[in-house]
């Protein structure tokens, strides 16, 4: 099963985008398979591949940066919450509960949201980025003299 939907169909994901969204799409594919298990029933697995391009805000120059977002994950299904909790602790893959209310669209959106970069950045910013911490126009206050400096000058030198 494959699909391509406008970004506007993904309410939470579109909130992350900056700028016009009309031309943006999310492309995804999902396919399931049954995997045999020694001494037990076959397991249901689902592979989900989703991708989109989002205009995010570069955290260095604060200008828009076109960012490719991709999620490529396998999920194993468990028959109930208790089994899912046990399997999730013992395995590296994600475990979901097999239910009649499974929402593939929501899973695609969740996975893309988790694949967003923590700090979107241009490889090379299109504008010069001011990296100085101090403001050159800021006038530093005059240093106050130490209260002990006056006492030190009153000390009598008894060595001579």
Protein backbone atom coordinates (compact mmCIF):
# COMPACT_ATOMS: atom_id res chain seq x y z
CA UNK A 1 0.00 0.00 0.00
CA UNK A 2 1.37 3.41 -0.95
CA UNK A 3 0.11 6.93 -0.82
CA UNK A 4 0.87 10.56 -1.39
CA UNK A 5 -1.09 13.17 0.53
CA UNK A 6 -0.85 16.94 0.91
CA UNK A 7 0.96 18.10 4.03
CA UNK A 8 -2.27 19.85 5.05
CA UNK A 9 -3.73 16.38 5.80
CA UNK A 10 -1.21 16.02 8.66
CA UNK A 11 -2.29 18.63 11.22
CA UNK A 12 0.56 18.24 13.71
CA UNK A 13 3.28 17.95 11.08
CA UNK A 14 2.15 21.02 9.15
CA UNK A 15 2.51 23.09 12.35
CA UNK A 16 6.27 22.49 12.17
CA UNK A 17 6.56 23.91 8.64
CA UNK A 18 7.38 27.57 8.02
CA UNK A 19 6.11 29.26 4.88
CA UNK A 20 3.74 28.22 2.09
CA UNK A 21 2.48 24.64 2.38
CA UNK A 22 0.33 24.24 -0.75
CA UNK A 23 2.90 22.32 -2.81
CA UNK A 24 4.18 20.16 0.06
CA UNK A 25 3.30 16.46 0.13
CA UNK A 26 3.95 13.41 2.28
CA UNK A 27 4.81 10.21 0.43
CA UNK A 28 4.51 6.91 2.28
CA UNK A 29 4.41 3.18 1.80
CA UNK A 30 3.43 0.39 4.16
CA UNK A 31 3.53 -3.34 3.78
CA UNK A 32 2.84 -6.10 6.25
CA UNK A 33 4.11 -9.62 6.54
CA UNK A 34 3.68 -12.67 8.71
CA UNK A 35 6.90 -13.98 10.25
CA UNK A 36 7.06 -17.53 11.61
CA UNK A 37 8.00 -18.04 15.25
CA UNK A 38 9.39 -21.33 16.58
CA UNK A 39 6.81 -22.93 18.88
CA UNK A 40 4.26 -20.14 18.56
CA UNK A 41 1.88 -18.37 16.23
CA UNK A 42 3.23 -16.28 13.37
CA UNK A 43 3.90 -12.63 14.19
CA UNK A 44 2.46 -9.69 12.28
CA UNK A 45 5.06 -7.13 11.15
CA UNK A 46 4.62 -3.82 9.34
CA UNK A 47 7.22 -1.82 7.44
CA UNK A 48 6.51 1.91 7.07
CA UNK A 49 8.55 4.26 4.90
CA UNK A 50 7.49 7.92 4.90
CA UNK A 51 9.14 11.08 3.62
CA UNK A 52 8.51 14.74 3.03
CA UNK A 53 10.35 18.03 2.60
CA UNK A 54 9.59 20.71 5.16
CA UNK A 55 10.68 24.33 5.31
CA UNK A 56 11.95 24.64 8.90
CA UNK A 57 13.74 27.52 10.64
CA UNK A 58 17.54 27.33 10.64
CA UNK A 59 18.62 27.75 14.24
CA UNK A 60 21.84 29.49 13.21
CA UNK A 61 20.61 32.22 10.84
CA UNK A 62 16.83 32.01 11.51
CA UNK A 63 16.08 31.79 7.76
CA UNK A 64 13.99 28.99 6.22
CA UNK A 65 15.87 25.77 5.50
CA UNK A 66 14.37 23.11 3.23
CA UNK A 67 14.71 19.86 5.19
CA UNK A 68 14.25 16.29 3.97
CA UNK A 69 12.48 14.23 6.65
CA UNK A 70 12.49 10.44 6.30
CA UNK A 71 11.27 7.62 8.53
CA UNK A 72 12.00 3.98 7.67
CA UNK A 73 10.80 1.66 10.47
CA UNK A 74 9.62 -1.87 11.19
CA UNK A 75 6.90 -2.55 13.74
CA UNK A 76 5.95 -5.83 15.39
CA UNK A 77 2.36 -6.32 16.49
CA UNK A 78 1.26 -7.95 19.72
CA UNK A 79 -2.25 -9.24 20.50
CA UNK A 80 -2.73 -7.10 23.63
CA UNK A 81 -1.19 -4.36 25.81
CA UNK A 82 0.35 -6.77 28.34
CA UNK A 83 2.12 -8.78 25.64
CA UNK A 84 3.23 -5.58 23.91
CA UNK A 85 4.77 -4.28 27.15
CA UNK A 86 6.73 -7.52 27.68
CA UNK A 87 7.91 -7.65 24.05
CA UNK A 88 8.83 -3.96 24.04
CA UNK A 89 11.14 -4.46 27.05
CA UNK A 90 12.87 -7.46 25.48
CA UNK A 91 13.36 -6.19 21.93
CA UNK A 92 14.82 -3.27 20.02
CA UNK A 93 11.99 -2.89 17.51
CA UNK A 94 8.81 -1.00 18.23
CA UNK A 95 5.87 -3.09 19.34
CA UNK A 96 2.29 -2.02 18.66
CA UNK A 97 -0.99 -3.54 19.77
CA UNK A 98 -2.99 -5.21 17.02
CA UNK A 99 -6.43 -3.62 17.14
CA UNK A 100 -9.37 -2.84 14.94
CA UNK A 101 -8.77 0.88 15.44
CA UNK A 102 -5.20 0.98 14.10
CA UNK A 103 -4.63 4.29 12.27
CA UNK A 104 -1.84 4.09 9.64
CA UNK A 105 -2.17 7.79 8.82
CA UNK A 106 -1.50 8.71 12.46
CA UNK A 107 1.47 6.30 12.63
CA UNK A 108 3.01 7.92 9.51
CA UNK A 109 2.59 11.37 11.07
CA UNK A 110 4.05 10.23 14.42
CA UNK A 111 7.09 8.73 12.74
CA UNK A 112 7.78 11.84 10.65
CA UNK A 113 7.43 14.06 13.71
CA UNK A 114 9.95 11.91 15.58
CA UNK A 115 12.30 12.10 12.57
CA UNK A 116 12.46 15.90 12.55
CA UNK A 117 15.95 17.22 13.28
CA UNK A 118 16.47 18.49 16.81
CA UNK A 119 18.24 21.57 15.44
CA UNK A 120 17.51 22.37 11.79
CA UNK A 121 20.54 24.01 10.14
CA UNK A 122 21.72 25.01 6.69
CA UNK A 123 24.95 23.33 5.63
CA UNK A 124 26.03 26.84 4.73
CA UNK A 125 23.76 29.71 5.76
CA UNK A 126 22.72 32.06 2.91
CA UNK A 127 23.44 35.12 5.06
CA UNK A 128 26.37 36.08 7.26
CA UNK A 129 25.68 34.89 10.76
CA UNK A 130 26.71 37.08 13.67
CA UNK A 131 28.39 34.65 16.04
CA UNK A 132 29.68 37.18 18.59
CA UNK A 133 28.14 36.97 22.00
CA UNK A 134 29.08 40.46 23.14
CA UNK A 135 27.49 43.56 21.68
CA UNK A 136 30.24 46.03 20.62
CA UNK A 137 27.90 48.96 21.36
CA UNK A 138 27.51 47.86 24.96
CA UNK A 139 29.50 49.97 27.40
CA UNK A 140 30.97 47.97 30.23
CA UNK A 141 30.53 49.56 33.64
CA UNK A 142 33.66 50.96 35.23
CA UNK A 143 35.29 48.47 37.56
CA UNK A 144 34.71 49.35 41.21
CA UNK A 145 37.84 49.53 43.29
CA UNK A 146 38.30 46.78 45.80
CA UNK A 147 37.36 47.86 49.33
CA UNK A 148 40.52 46.12 50.54
CA UNK A 149 42.82 48.11 48.24
CA UNK A 150 42.44 51.18 50.50
CA UNK A 151 43.24 49.09 53.59
CA UNK A 152 46.34 47.66 51.92
CA UNK A 153 47.66 51.16 51.28
CA UNK A 154 47.31 52.00 54.99
CA UNK A 155 49.35 49.00 56.08
CA UNK A 156 52.69 49.99 57.51
CA UNK A 157 55.71 48.24 56.14
CA UNK A 158 57.71 47.11 59.23
CA UNK A 159 60.40 45.29 57.35
CA UNK A 160 62.70 48.28 56.93
